[in-house]
Amino acid sequence: MSRIKRFIKPWTSSLRRFAAHKPMPANFRGILRLASAACLVLAVLLGALLGGQPAGAGARTPFNALLSADSVLGADARPSRPTLADFAWLEGKWRGDWGPRVAEQVWMPPRAGAMEGLMRVAEGEKTLVAELFSIAEESGGVEFHLRHFTPSLAPWETSTPAILKLTAVDSKKADFENSQDGEPKRIIFRRLDADTYVSHSEIVPEKGEPEVIEIIYHRQK
């Protein structure tokens, strides 16, 4: 590690001497502080990679160094939290087959902090259930709200809609979990391509066997 310090020290010393000269615009001073922090992080990373960092409870790993850099650079360097933009691809009409049943969905575009939708499940000439749902940005994160209705719009849920909280999301998959009462207990959207996705629902009733429902939806032009 000592040879790494000898390599980095002239740079940090020069930066400090340069920063001591006045006058200097405030934004230049900020840039110099970031450059000094970058030199420090580089020294720690190189020391760890070259094997010069001693082991022990006080040793700083490359991961520790990155955390230090994040604290110096500020919140702008951290990954952003999930938003409705992660679900904009759902906008439009979808259709999927569920055995002898047909499931149809319509998703509205994200607006004003929510993205609403409607689903209808029919078998032959009979509508079995209608479902209203929304993905909304709440103070605690993104949530999926849903409520089922009969064809005459009598609600299945007698109290509040089922609420599932987003636990993980990336460009291919979104995972929602329900830690409260109500069904389903889990919903997963798995995107196969721009026009195809799988809806995975896990139903855990108070009585009876758990059930998993998977429907492959195709975008309707």
Protein backbone atom coordinates (compact mmCIF):
# COMPACT_ATOMS: atom_id res chain seq x y z
CA MET A 1 0.00 0.00 0.00
CA SER A 2 2.92 2.35 0.69
CA ARG A 3 3.95 2.50 -2.96
CA ILE A 4 0.35 3.30 -3.92
CA LYS A 5 0.38 6.19 -1.45
CA ARG A 6 3.66 7.43 -2.93
CA PHE A 7 2.00 7.41 -6.35
CA ILE A 8 -1.21 9.16 -5.28
CA LYS A 9 0.19 11.65 -2.71
CA PRO A 10 1.77 14.07 -5.24
CA TRP A 11 -1.56 14.37 -7.03
CA THR A 12 -3.59 15.08 -3.90
CA SER A 13 -0.95 17.51 -2.61
CA SER A 14 -0.94 19.39 -5.91
CA LEU A 15 -4.71 19.61 -5.85
CA ARG A 16 -4.69 21.04 -2.31
CA ARG A 17 -2.04 23.61 -3.24
CA PHE A 18 -3.97 24.59 -6.33
CA ALA A 19 -7.18 24.95 -4.34
CA ALA A 20 -5.43 27.28 -1.85
CA HIS A 21 -4.90 29.95 -4.52
CA LYS A 22 -7.52 32.69 -4.68
CA PRO A 23 -9.68 33.90 -6.23
CA MET A 24 -11.32 30.70 -7.49
CA PRO A 25 -14.92 30.04 -8.59
CA ALA A 26 -16.93 27.94 -6.15
CA ASN A 27 -17.69 25.32 -8.75
CA PHE A 28 -13.94 24.79 -9.31
CA ARG A 29 -13.50 24.07 -5.61
CA GLY A 30 -16.25 21.45 -5.79
CA ILE A 31 -14.55 19.79 -8.74
CA LEU A 32 -11.23 19.72 -6.88
CA ARG A 33 -12.87 18.13 -3.83
CA LEU A 34 -14.35 15.41 -6.04
CA ALA A 35 -10.97 14.85 -7.69
CA SER A 36 -9.28 14.46 -4.29
CA ALA A 37 -11.92 11.96 -3.21
CA ALA A 38 -11.44 10.03 -6.45
CA CYS A 39 -7.69 9.82 -5.81
CA LEU A 40 -8.34 8.43 -2.33
CA VAL A 41 -10.77 5.80 -3.61
CA LEU A 42 -8.32 4.83 -6.37
CA ALA A 43 -5.57 4.32 -3.80
CA VAL A 44 -7.73 2.02 -1.69
CA LEU A 45 -8.94 0.01 -4.67
CA LEU A 46 -5.45 -0.42 -6.12
CA GLY A 47 -4.09 -1.41 -2.73
CA ALA A 48 -6.74 -4.09 -2.30
CA LEU A 49 -6.33 -5.43 -5.83
CA LEU A 50 -2.54 -5.58 -5.57
CA GLY A 51 -2.65 -7.40 -2.27
CA GLY A 52 -1.06 -4.64 -0.25
CA GLN A 53 -4.05 -4.01 2.02
CA PRO A 54 -3.62 -5.82 5.36
CA ALA A 55 -6.45 -8.14 6.42
CA GLY A 56 -8.39 -7.62 9.60
CA ALA A 57 -11.46 -5.95 10.99
CA GLY A 58 -10.16 -2.50 10.09
CA ALA A 59 -9.31 -3.32 6.47
CA ARG A 60 -11.18 -1.37 3.80
CA THR A 61 -12.43 -3.44 0.89
CA PRO A 62 -13.22 -2.17 -2.61
CA PHE A 63 -16.91 -2.28 -1.61
CA ASN A 64 -16.18 -0.04 1.41
CA ALA A 65 -14.32 2.33 -0.88
CA LEU A 66 -17.26 2.56 -3.24
CA LEU A 67 -19.54 3.34 -0.30
CA SER A 68 -17.16 6.12 0.70
CA ALA A 69 -17.19 7.47 -2.84
CA ASP A 70 -21.01 7.40 -2.82
CA SER A 71 -21.06 9.46 0.37
CA VAL A 72 -18.71 11.99 -1.23
CA LEU A 73 -20.49 12.21 -4.57
CA GLY A 74 -23.95 12.38 -3.00
CA ALA A 75 -27.35 10.91 -3.73
CA ASP A 76 -27.12 11.57 -7.47
CA ALA A 77 -24.66 8.67 -7.79
CA ARG A 78 -27.05 6.16 -6.19
CA PRO A 79 -29.52 4.00 -8.16
CA SER A 80 -32.95 5.60 -8.48
CA ARG A 81 -35.98 4.02 -6.82
CA PRO A 82 -38.60 2.21 -8.96
CA THR A 83 -41.27 4.39 -10.57
CA LEU A 84 -44.23 3.99 -12.91
CA ALA A 85 -41.82 4.41 -15.80
CA ASP A 86 -40.72 0.81 -15.12
CA PHE A 87 -44.24 -0.34 -16.08
CA ALA A 88 -45.00 1.94 -19.03
CA TRP A 89 -44.54 -1.03 -21.38
CA LEU A 90 -47.86 -2.46 -20.08
CA GLU A 91 -49.91 0.30 -21.72
CA GLY A 92 -52.37 -1.07 -24.27
CA LYS A 93 -54.57 -4.13 -24.84
CA TRP A 94 -53.56 -7.70 -23.97
CA ARG A 95 -55.13 -11.14 -24.38
CA GLY A 96 -54.25 -14.51 -22.87
CA ASP A 97 -55.70 -18.03 -22.76
CA TRP A 98 -56.29 -19.71 -19.40
CA GLY A 99 -57.46 -23.19 -20.23
CA PRO A 100 -60.95 -22.83 -21.74
CA ARG A 101 -61.10 -19.24 -20.48
CA VAL A 102 -60.01 -16.04 -22.19
CA ALA A 103 -58.44 -13.20 -20.17
CA GLU A 104 -58.42 -9.69 -21.64
CA GLN A 105 -56.61 -6.70 -20.15
CA VAL A 106 -56.52 -2.99 -20.89
CA TRP A 107 -53.83 -0.83 -19.28
CA MET A 108 -53.97 2.96 -19.35
CA PRO A 109 -50.75 5.03 -19.62
CA PRO A 110 -49.06 6.26 -16.41
CA ARG A 111 -50.44 9.60 -15.28
CA ALA A 112 -50.68 11.55 -12.02
CA GLY A 113 -48.87 8.88 -10.02
CA ALA A 114 -50.97 5.89 -11.10
CA MET A 115 -51.55 3.45 -13.94
CA GLU A 116 -55.05 1.95 -13.99
CA GLY A 117 -56.37 -1.09 -15.79
CA LEU A 118 -59.25 -3.52 -16.30
CA MET A 119 -59.35 -7.28 -16.81
CA ARG A 120 -62.22 -9.51 -17.91
CA VAL A 121 -62.19 -13.32 -17.74
CA ALA A 122 -64.80 -15.10 -19.86
CA GLU A 123 -65.57 -18.69 -20.75
CA GLY A 124 -67.70 -19.15 -23.80
CA GLU A 125 -70.48 -16.56 -23.64
CA LYS A 126 -70.23 -16.08 -19.87
CA THR A 127 -68.16 -13.47 -18.04
CA LEU A 128 -66.73 -15.06 -14.90
CA VAL A 129 -65.08 -12.08 -13.23
CA ALA A 130 -64.04 -8.50 -13.83
CA GLU A 131 -61.01 -7.00 -12.13
CA LEU A 132 -60.07 -3.37 -11.58
CA PHE A 133 -56.43 -2.70 -10.73
CA SER A 134 -53.83 0.03 -10.53
CA ILE A 135 -50.10 0.39 -10.07
CA ALA A 136 -49.50 3.47 -7.96
CA GLU A 137 -46.55 5.38 -6.54
CA GLU A 138 -47.15 5.61 -2.79
CA SER A 139 -44.98 7.11 -0.05
CA GLY A 140 -43.62 3.66 0.81
CA GLY A 141 -42.93 2.68 -2.79
CA VAL A 142 -44.78 1.26 -5.78
CA GLU A 143 -47.92 -0.75 -4.99
CA PHE A 144 -50.33 -2.93 -6.97
CA HIS A 145 -54.00 -2.51 -5.96
CA LEU A 146 -56.75 -4.80 -7.24
CA ARG A 147 -60.38 -5.66 -6.63
CA HIS A 148 -62.60 -8.34 -8.22
CA PHE A 149 -66.22 -7.91 -9.27
CA THR A 150 -69.05 -10.05 -10.56
CA PRO A 151 -70.48 -9.17 -14.00
CA SER A 152 -73.08 -7.05 -12.15
CA LEU A 153 -70.20 -5.23 -10.37
CA ALA A 154 -70.79 -6.70 -6.93
CA PRO A 155 -67.35 -6.72 -5.25
CA TRP A 156 -65.76 -10.00 -4.19
CA GLU A 157 -63.63 -8.27 -1.55
CA THR A 158 -65.96 -7.00 1.17
CA SER A 159 -63.46 -4.65 2.81
CA THR A 160 -60.50 -3.04 1.05
CA PRO A 161 -58.80 -3.95 -2.23
CA ALA A 162 -55.88 -6.33 -2.15
CA ILE A 163 -52.61 -4.41 -1.87
CA LEU A 164 -49.29 -5.87 -3.00
CA LYS A 165 -46.01 -4.02 -2.57
CA LEU A 166 -43.28 -4.05 -5.18
CA THR A 167 -40.30 -5.99 -3.83
CA ALA A 168 -38.12 -6.23 -6.94
CA VAL A 169 -38.11 -4.93 -10.51
CA ASP A 170 -35.86 -4.84 -13.55
CA SER A 171 -36.36 -4.64 -17.31
CA LYS A 172 -37.63 -8.24 -17.48
CA LYS A 173 -39.43 -8.93 -14.21
CA ALA A 174 -41.52 -7.27 -11.49
CA ASP A 175 -42.36 -8.97 -8.19
CA PHE A 176 -45.23 -7.84 -5.91
CA GLU A 177 -46.00 -9.38 -2.51
CA ASN A 178 -49.06 -9.15 -0.25
CA SER A 179 -48.18 -9.24 3.44
CA GLN A 180 -51.74 -8.45 4.56
CA ASP A 181 -55.08 -10.20 4.24
CA GLY A 182 -56.56 -10.83 0.83
CA GLU A 183 -55.62 -12.59 -2.37
CA PRO A 184 -53.42 -13.04 -4.29
CA LYS A 185 -50.39 -13.28 -2.02
CA ARG A 186 -47.92 -12.74 -4.84
CA ILE A 187 -47.96 -11.44 -8.41
CA ILE A 188 -45.04 -11.62 -10.82
CA PHE A 189 -44.89 -10.00 -14.25
CA ARG A 190 -42.25 -11.65 -16.41
CA ARG A 191 -41.65 -9.88 -19.72
CA LEU A 192 -40.69 -12.24 -22.55
CA ASP A 193 -40.47 -9.65 -25.32
CA ALA A 194 -42.03 -6.32 -26.31
CA ASP A 195 -45.40 -7.94 -27.06
CA THR A 196 -45.52 -10.90 -24.65
CA TYR A 197 -45.50 -11.28 -20.87
CA VAL A 198 -46.43 -13.86 -18.26
CA SER A 199 -48.69 -13.03 -15.31
CA HIS A 200 -47.96 -15.34 -12.36
CA SER A 201 -50.39 -15.23 -9.39
CA GLU A 202 -50.12 -17.22 -6.17
CA ILE A 203 -53.39 -17.80 -4.29
CA VAL A 204 -53.16 -19.03 -0.68
CA PRO A 205 -56.72 -19.45 0.67
CA GLU A 206 -57.55 -19.85 4.35
CA LYS A 207 -58.95 -23.26 3.50
CA GLY A 208 -57.95 -25.54 0.69
CA GLU A 209 -54.85 -25.98 -1.37
CA PRO A 210 -52.67 -23.12 -2.65
CA GLU A 211 -53.10 -22.36 -6.34
CA VAL A 212 -50.79 -20.88 -8.94
CA ILE A 213 -52.29 -19.19 -12.00
CA GLU A 214 -50.09 -18.36 -14.99
CA ILE A 215 -51.40 -16.63 -18.08
CA ILE A 216 -49.30 -15.71 -21.10
CA TYR A 217 -50.53 -12.39 -22.48
CA HIS A 218 -50.01 -11.18 -26.04
CA ARG A 219 -50.31 -7.55 -27.05
CA GLN A 220 -53.31 -6.78 -29.24
CA LYS A 221 -52.70 -4.34 -32.08
